[in-house]
Amino acid sequence: MAGADQAARLGQEVLHQRRSMPKSPLRMAVGGVAMAAVIGFFTLLTKKKPEASVIDVAKVAAGVAHPDNTHPPK
């Protein structure tokens, strides 16, 4: 068991804190947005209809799809 003086000393220590983060916050934010986009794309890809192509899914995910990309060919 720790003594009273050791417990008081441990309560005041700062454990493993760095002065700066290992990567820049902007780089981490861009990486997070990219990961969210990849997860969204693959979610759309797994839920696509059989007649839709991967290009159609990419257009929908990017927001540039037209009705000819979202409706099956007749």
PDB file of N, CA and C in Angstrom:
ATOM      1  N   MET A   1       0.844  -1.180   0.000  1.00  0.00           N
ATOM      2  CA  MET A   1       0.000   0.000   0.000  1.00  0.00           C
ATOM      3  C   MET A   1       0.884   1.235   0.000  1.00  0.00           C
ATOM      4  N   ALA A   2       0.402   2.260  -0.624  1.00  0.00           N
ATOM      5  CA  ALA A   2       1.147   3.509  -0.686  1.00  0.00           C
ATOM      6  C   ALA A   2       0.911   4.307   0.589  1.00  0.00           C
ATOM      7  N   GLY A   3       1.966   4.961   1.042  1.00  0.00           N
ATOM      8  CA  GLY A   3       1.845   5.791   2.231  1.00  0.00           C
ATOM      9  C   GLY A   3       1.163   7.108   1.897  1.00  0.00           C
ATOM     10  N   ALA A   4       0.877   7.905   2.917  1.00  0.00           N
ATOM     11  CA  ALA A   4       0.179   9.175   2.728  1.00  0.00           C
ATOM     12  C   ALA A   4       1.028  10.151   1.911  1.00  0.00           C
ATOM     13  N   ASP A   5       2.348  10.172   2.171  1.00  0.00           N
ATOM     14  CA  ASP A   5       3.204  11.094   1.417  1.00  0.00           C
ATOM     15  C   ASP A   5       3.328  10.677  -0.049  1.00  0.00           C
ATOM     16  N   GLN A   6       3.362   9.383  -0.312  1.00  0.00           N
ATOM     17  CA  GLN A   6       3.449   8.903  -1.697  1.00  0.00           C
ATOM     18  C   GLN A   6       2.140   9.173  -2.443  1.00  0.00           C
ATOM     19  N   ALA A   7       0.989   9.012  -1.797  1.00  0.00           N
ATOM     20  CA  ALA A   7      -0.305   9.277  -2.420  1.00  0.00           C
ATOM     21  C   ALA A   7      -0.436  10.755  -2.756  1.00  0.00           C
ATOM     22  N   ALA A   8       0.038  11.637  -1.898  1.00  0.00           N
ATOM     23  CA  ALA A   8      -0.029  13.077  -2.156  1.00  0.00           C
ATOM     24  C   ALA A   8       0.879  13.448  -3.329  1.00  0.00           C
ATOM     25  N   ARG A   9       2.042  12.812  -3.407  1.00  0.00           N
ATOM     26  CA  ARG A   9       2.968  13.098  -4.495  1.00  0.00           C
ATOM     27  C   ARG A   9       2.408  12.594  -5.828  1.00  0.00           C
ATOM     28  N   LEU A  10       1.749  11.422  -5.836  1.00  0.00           N
ATOM     29  CA  LEU A  10       1.172  10.883  -7.068  1.00  0.00           C
ATOM     30  C   LEU A  10      -0.012  11.709  -7.550  1.00  0.00           C
ATOM     31  N   GLY A  11      -0.739  12.340  -6.642  1.00  0.00           N
ATOM     32  CA  GLY A  11      -1.883  13.159  -7.019  1.00  0.00           C
ATOM     33  C   GLY A  11      -1.470  14.430  -7.745  1.00  0.00           C
ATOM     34  N   GLN A  12      -0.231  14.873  -7.614  1.00  0.00           N
ATOM     35  CA  GLN A  12       0.215  16.116  -8.224  1.00  0.00           C
ATOM     36  C   GLN A  12       1.001  15.894  -9.513  1.00  0.00           C
ATOM     37  N   GLU A  13       1.310  14.665  -9.858  1.00  0.00           N
ATOM     38  CA  GLU A  13       2.101  14.394 -11.061  1.00  0.00           C
ATOM     39  C   GLU A  13       1.256  14.511 -12.318  1.00  0.00           C
ATOM     40  N   VAL A  14       1.889  14.914 -13.398  1.00  0.00           N
ATOM     41  CA  VAL A  14       1.244  14.948 -14.704  1.00  0.00           C
ATOM     42  C   VAL A  14       1.832  13.796 -15.504  1.00  0.00           C
ATOM     43  N   LEU A  15       0.970  12.886 -15.934  1.00  0.00           N
ATOM     44  CA  LEU A  15       1.453  11.674 -16.573  1.00  0.00           C
ATOM     45  C   LEU A  15       1.383  11.770 -18.091  1.00  0.00           C
ATOM     46  N   HIS A  16       2.463  11.600 -18.752  1.00  0.00           N
ATOM     47  CA  HIS A  16       2.575  11.416 -20.195  1.00  0.00           C
ATOM     48  C   HIS A  16       1.876  12.496 -21.014  1.00  0.00           C
ATOM     49  N   GLN A  17       1.955  13.730 -20.615  1.00  0.00           N
ATOM     50  CA  GLN A  17       1.382  14.795 -21.430  1.00  0.00           C
ATOM     51  C   GLN A  17       2.491  15.422 -22.255  1.00  0.00           C
ATOM     52  N   ARG A  18       2.173  15.675 -23.527  1.00  0.00           N
ATOM     53  CA  ARG A  18       3.155  16.277 -24.409  1.00  0.00           C
ATOM     54  C   ARG A  18       2.850  17.755 -24.566  1.00  0.00           C
ATOM     55  N   ARG A  19       3.852  18.487 -24.959  1.00  0.00           N
ATOM     56  CA  ARG A  19       3.663  19.903 -25.174  1.00  0.00           C
ATOM     57  C   ARG A  19       2.857  20.154 -26.437  1.00  0.00           C
ATOM     58  N   SER A  20       3.100  19.398 -27.485  1.00  0.00           N
ATOM     59  CA  SER A  20       2.370  19.575 -28.734  1.00  0.00           C
ATOM     60  C   SER A  20       1.887  18.218 -29.232  1.00  0.00           C
ATOM     61  N   MET A  21       0.884  18.263 -30.090  1.00  0.00           N
ATOM     62  CA  MET A  21       0.354  17.022 -30.631  1.00  0.00           C
ATOM     63  C   MET A  21       1.322  16.479 -31.685  1.00  0.00           C
ATOM     64  N   PRO A  22       1.317  15.168 -31.922  1.00  0.00           N
ATOM     65  CA  PRO A  22       2.272  14.588 -32.873  1.00  0.00           C
ATOM     66  C   PRO A  22       1.983  14.977 -34.325  1.00  0.00           C
ATOM     67  N   LYS A  23       0.733  15.278 -34.659  1.00  0.00           N
ATOM     68  CA  LYS A  23       0.372  15.686 -36.017  1.00  0.00           C
ATOM     69  C   LYS A  23      -0.381  17.003 -35.934  1.00  0.00           C
ATOM     70  N   SER A  24      -0.435  17.732 -37.035  1.00  0.00           N
ATOM     71  CA  SER A  24      -1.140  19.008 -37.007  1.00  0.00           C
ATOM     72  C   SER A  24      -2.652  18.774 -36.974  1.00  0.00           C
ATOM     73  N   PRO A  25      -3.405  19.651 -36.312  1.00  0.00           N
ATOM     74  CA  PRO A  25      -4.860  19.488 -36.241  1.00  0.00           C
ATOM     75  C   PRO A  25      -5.522  19.529 -37.619  1.00  0.00           C
ATOM     76  N   LEU A  26      -4.998  20.338 -38.531  1.00  0.00           N
ATOM     77  CA  LEU A  26      -5.560  20.410 -39.882  1.00  0.00           C
ATOM     78  C   LEU A  26      -5.406  19.077 -40.597  1.00  0.00           C
ATOM     79  N   ARG A  27      -4.242  18.454 -40.480  1.00  0.00           N
ATOM     80  CA  ARG A  27      -4.009  17.160 -41.120  1.00  0.00           C
ATOM     81  C   ARG A  27      -4.928  16.086 -40.543  1.00  0.00           C
ATOM     82  N   MET A  28      -5.149  16.121 -39.231  1.00  0.00           N
ATOM     83  CA  MET A  28      -6.045  15.146 -38.613  1.00  0.00           C
ATOM     84  C   MET A  28      -7.493  15.385 -39.041  1.00  0.00           C
ATOM     85  N   ALA A  29      -7.897  16.656 -39.193  1.00  0.00           N
ATOM     86  CA  ALA A  29      -9.263  16.955 -39.635  1.00  0.00           C
ATOM     87  C   ALA A  29      -9.480  16.492 -41.072  1.00  0.00           C
ATOM     88  N   VAL A  30      -8.518  16.738 -41.940  1.00  0.00           N
ATOM     89  CA  VAL A  30      -8.622  16.291 -43.327  1.00  0.00           C
ATOM     90  C   VAL A  30      -8.664  14.767 -43.395  1.00  0.00           C
ATOM     91  N   GLY A  31      -7.868  14.116 -42.590  1.00  0.00           N
ATOM     92  CA  GLY A  31      -7.896  12.651 -42.540  1.00  0.00           C
ATOM     93  C   GLY A  31      -9.228  12.116 -42.041  1.00  0.00           C
ATOM     94  N   GLY A  32      -9.825  12.782 -41.067  1.00  0.00           N
ATOM     95  CA  GLY A  32     -11.125  12.372 -40.554  1.00  0.00           C
ATOM     96  C   GLY A  32     -12.226  12.528 -41.593  1.00  0.00           C
ATOM     97  N   VAL A  33     -12.198  13.647 -42.327  1.00  0.00           N
ATOM     98  CA  VAL A  33     -13.188  13.857 -43.386  1.00  0.00           C
ATOM     99  C   VAL A  33     -13.006  12.815 -44.486  1.00  0.00           C
ATOM    100  N   ALA A  34     -11.765  12.510 -44.830  1.00  0.00           N
ATOM    101  CA  ALA A  34     -11.505  11.502 -45.863  1.00  0.00           C
ATOM    102  C   ALA A  34     -12.006  10.125 -45.415  1.00  0.00           C
ATOM    103  N   MET A  35     -11.787   9.779 -44.166  1.00  0.00           N
ATOM    104  CA  MET A  35     -12.266   8.490 -43.666  1.00  0.00           C
ATOM    105  C   MET A  35     -13.793   8.431 -43.662  1.00  0.00           C
ATOM    106  N   ALA A  36     -14.449   9.535 -43.303  1.00  0.00           N
ATOM    107  CA  ALA A  36     -15.914   9.573 -43.321  1.00  0.00           C
ATOM    108  C   ALA A  36     -16.436   9.416 -44.748  1.00  0.00           C
ATOM    109  N   ALA A  37     -15.746  10.030 -45.720  1.00  0.00           N
ATOM    110  CA  ALA A  37     -16.155   9.903 -47.123  1.00  0.00           C
ATOM    111  C   ALA A  37     -15.994   8.462 -47.610  1.00  0.00           C
ATOM    112  N   VAL A  38     -14.912   7.818 -47.237  1.00  0.00           N
ATOM    113  CA  VAL A  38     -14.687   6.428 -47.649  1.00  0.00           C
ATOM    114  C   VAL A  38     -15.749   5.511 -47.043  1.00  0.00           C
ATOM    115  N   ILE A  39     -16.054   5.717 -45.775  1.00  0.00           N
ATOM    116  CA  ILE A  39     -17.083   4.891 -45.124  1.00  0.00           C
ATOM    117  C   ILE A  39     -18.442   5.129 -45.777  1.00  0.00           C
ATOM    118  N   GLY A  40     -18.767   6.383 -46.088  1.00  0.00           N
ATOM    119  CA  GLY A  40     -20.029   6.692 -46.762  1.00  0.00           C
ATOM    120  C   GLY A  40     -20.115   6.074 -48.139  1.00  0.00           C
ATOM    121  N   PHE A  41     -19.020   6.136 -48.897  1.00  0.00           N
ATOM    122  CA  PHE A  41     -19.004   5.564 -50.238  1.00  0.00           C
ATOM    123  C   PHE A  41     -19.245   4.058 -50.188  1.00  0.00           C
ATOM    124  N   PHE A  42     -18.537   3.378 -49.293  1.00  0.00           N
ATOM    125  CA  PHE A  42     -18.701   1.926 -49.221  1.00  0.00           C
ATOM    126  C   PHE A  42     -20.074   1.533 -48.672  1.00  0.00           C
ATOM    127  N   THR A  43     -20.663   2.380 -47.821  1.00  0.00           N
ATOM    128  CA  THR A  43     -22.023   2.123 -47.363  1.00  0.00           C
ATOM    129  C   THR A  43     -22.992   2.210 -48.531  1.00  0.00           C
ATOM    130  N   LEU A  44     -22.850   3.266 -49.350  1.00  0.00           N
ATOM    131  CA  LEU A  44     -23.696   3.380 -50.541  1.00  0.00           C
ATOM    132  C   LEU A  44     -23.455   2.218 -51.502  1.00  0.00           C
ATOM    133  N   LEU A  45     -22.217   1.798 -51.631  1.00  0.00           N
ATOM    134  CA  LEU A  45     -21.878   0.720 -52.553  1.00  0.00           C
ATOM    135  C   LEU A  45     -22.519  -0.606 -52.133  1.00  0.00           C
ATOM    136  N   THR A  46     -22.552  -0.867 -50.832  1.00  0.00           N
ATOM    137  CA  THR A  46     -23.142  -2.124 -50.378  1.00  0.00           C
ATOM    138  C   THR A  46     -24.666  -2.116 -50.487  1.00  0.00           C
ATOM    139  N   LYS A  47     -25.283  -0.929 -50.496  1.00  0.00           N
ATOM    140  CA  LYS A  47     -26.739  -0.841 -50.566  1.00  0.00           C
ATOM    141  C   LYS A  47     -27.254  -0.559 -51.977  1.00  0.00           C
ATOM    142  N   LYS A  48     -26.372  -0.545 -52.967  1.00  0.00           N
ATOM    143  CA  LYS A  48     -26.793  -0.221 -54.327  1.00  0.00           C
ATOM    144  C   LYS A  48     -27.626  -1.340 -54.940  1.00  0.00           C
ATOM    145  N   LYS A  49     -28.413  -0.947 -55.921  1.00  0.00           N
ATOM    146  CA  LYS A  49     -29.206  -1.946 -56.642  1.00  0.00           C
ATOM    147  C   LYS A  49     -28.311  -2.668 -57.638  1.00  0.00           C
ATOM    148  N   PRO A  50     -28.653  -3.887 -58.030  1.00  0.00           N
ATOM    149  CA  PRO A  50     -27.781  -4.664 -58.921  1.00  0.00           C
ATOM    150  C   PRO A  50     -27.531  -3.995 -60.274  1.00  0.00           C
ATOM    151  N   GLU A  51     -28.484  -3.215 -60.765  1.00  0.00           N
ATOM    152  CA  GLU A  51     -28.295  -2.609 -62.086  1.00  0.00           C
ATOM    153  C   GLU A  51     -27.462  -1.325 -62.042  1.00  0.00           C
ATOM    154  N   ALA A  52     -27.149  -0.822 -60.858  1.00  0.00           N
ATOM    155  CA  ALA A  52     -26.322   0.382 -60.743  1.00  0.00           C
ATOM    156  C   ALA A  52     -24.847  -0.005 -60.811  1.00  0.00           C
ATOM    157  N   SER A  53     -24.064   0.860 -61.453  1.00  0.00           N
ATOM    158  CA  SER A  53     -22.629   0.596 -61.542  1.00  0.00           C
ATOM    159  C   SER A  53     -21.893   1.341 -60.433  1.00  0.00           C
ATOM    160  N   VAL A  54     -20.621   1.045 -60.283  1.00  0.00           N
ATOM    161  CA  VAL A  54     -19.803   1.713 -59.277  1.00  0.00           C
ATOM    162  C   VAL A  54     -19.671   3.196 -59.621  1.00  0.00           C
ATOM    163  N   ILE A  55     -19.620   3.521 -60.905  1.00  0.00           N
ATOM    164  CA  ILE A  55     -19.528   4.921 -61.333  1.00  0.00           C
ATOM    165  C   ILE A  55     -20.777   5.682 -60.908  1.00  0.00           C
ATOM    166  N   ASP A  56     -21.951   5.054 -61.026  1.00  0.00           N
ATOM    167  CA  ASP A  56     -23.190   5.688 -60.594  1.00  0.00           C
ATOM    168  C   ASP A  56     -23.163   5.969 -59.093  1.00  0.00           C
ATOM    169  N   VAL A  57     -22.661   5.035 -58.320  1.00  0.00           N
ATOM    170  CA  VAL A  57     -22.569   5.220 -56.874  1.00  0.00           C
ATOM    171  C   VAL A  57     -21.607   6.362 -56.556  1.00  0.00           C
ATOM    172  N   ALA A  58     -20.494   6.440 -57.259  1.00  0.00           N
ATOM    173  CA  ALA A  58     -19.530   7.517 -57.023  1.00  0.00           C
ATOM    174  C   ALA A  58     -20.145   8.875 -57.355  1.00  0.00           C
ATOM    175  N   LYS A  59     -20.928   8.937 -58.428  1.00  0.00           N
ATOM    176  CA  LYS A  59     -21.576  10.203 -58.789  1.00  0.00           C
ATOM    177  C   LYS A  59     -22.587  10.620 -57.728  1.00  0.00           C
ATOM    178  N   VAL A  60     -23.350   9.669 -57.200  1.00  0.00           N
ATOM    179  CA  VAL A  60     -24.320   9.978 -56.150  1.00  0.00           C
ATOM    180  C   VAL A  60     -23.599  10.430 -54.883  1.00  0.00           C
ATOM    181  N   ALA A  61     -22.511   9.759 -54.525  1.00  0.00           N
ATOM    182  CA  ALA A  61     -21.761  10.109 -53.320  1.00  0.00           C
ATOM    183  C   ALA A  61     -21.146  11.498 -53.443  1.00  0.00           C
ATOM    184  N   ALA A  62     -20.728  11.871 -54.653  1.00  0.00           N
ATOM    185  CA  ALA A  62     -20.130  13.191 -54.863  1.00  0.00           C
ATOM    186  C   ALA A  62     -21.187  14.271 -55.036  1.00  0.00           C
ATOM    187  N   GLY A  63     -22.427  13.873 -55.256  1.00  0.00           N
ATOM    188  CA  GLY A  63     -23.499  14.847 -55.408  1.00  0.00           C
ATOM    189  C   GLY A  63     -23.610  15.423 -56.809  1.00  0.00           C
ATOM    190  N   VAL A  64     -23.092  14.743 -57.814  1.00  0.00           N
ATOM    191  CA  VAL A  64     -23.144  15.241 -59.193  1.00  0.00           C
ATOM    192  C   VAL A  64     -23.990  14.338 -60.090  1.00  0.00           C
ATOM    193  N   ALA A  65     -24.805  13.493 -59.501  1.00  0.00           N
ATOM    194  CA  ALA A  65     -25.603  12.555 -60.287  1.00  0.00           C
ATOM    195  C   ALA A  65     -26.824  13.247 -60.877  1.00  0.00           C
ATOM    196  N   HIS A  66     -27.223  12.803 -62.052  1.00  0.00           N
ATOM    197  CA  HIS A  66     -28.437  13.250 -62.726  1.00  0.00           C
ATOM    198  C   HIS A  66     -29.425  12.080 -62.700  1.00  0.00           C
ATOM    199  N   PRO A  67     -30.680  12.322 -63.035  1.00  0.00           N
ATOM    200  CA  PRO A  67     -31.651  11.222 -63.012  1.00  0.00           C
ATOM    201  C   PRO A  67     -31.250  10.036 -63.882  1.00  0.00           C
ATOM    202  N   ASP A  68     -30.512  10.267 -64.997  1.00  0.00           N
ATOM    203  CA  ASP A  68     -30.102   9.108 -65.817  1.00  0.00           C
ATOM    204  C   ASP A  68     -29.131   8.195 -65.052  1.00  0.00           C
ATOM    205  N   ASN A  69     -28.406   8.739 -64.051  1.00  0.00           N
ATOM    206  CA  ASN A  69     -27.487   7.925 -63.266  1.00  0.00           C
ATOM    207  C   ASN A  69     -28.200   7.177 -62.149  1.00  0.00           C
ATOM    208  N   THR A  70     -29.360   7.674 -61.738  1.00  0.00           N
ATOM    209  CA  THR A  70     -30.014   7.076 -60.583  1.00  0.00           C
ATOM    210  C   THR A  70     -31.173   6.161 -60.938  1.00  0.00           C
ATOM    211  N   HIS A  71     -31.587   6.159 -62.198  1.00  0.00           N
ATOM    212  CA  HIS A  71     -32.685   5.287 -62.623  1.00  0.00           C
ATOM    213  C   HIS A  71     -32.139   4.203 -63.538  1.00  0.00           C
ATOM    214  N   PRO A  72     -32.671   3.003 -63.455  1.00  0.00           N
ATOM    215  CA  PRO A  72     -32.169   1.922 -64.305  1.00  0.00           C
ATOM    216  C   PRO A  72     -32.485   2.181 -65.766  1.00  0.00           C
ATOM    217  N   PRO A  73     -31.639   1.693 -66.663  1.00  0.00           N
ATOM    218  CA  PRO A  73     -31.911   1.864 -68.105  1.00  0.00           C
ATOM    219  C   PRO A  73     -33.169   1.108 -68.508  1.00  0.00           C
ATOM    220  N   LYS A  74     -33.895   1.677 -69.472  1.00  0.00           N
ATOM    221  CA  LYS A  74     -35.159   1.044 -69.912  1.00  0.00           C
ATOM    222  C   LYS A  74     -34.946   0.186 -71.127  1.00  0.00           C
TER     223      LYS A  74
END
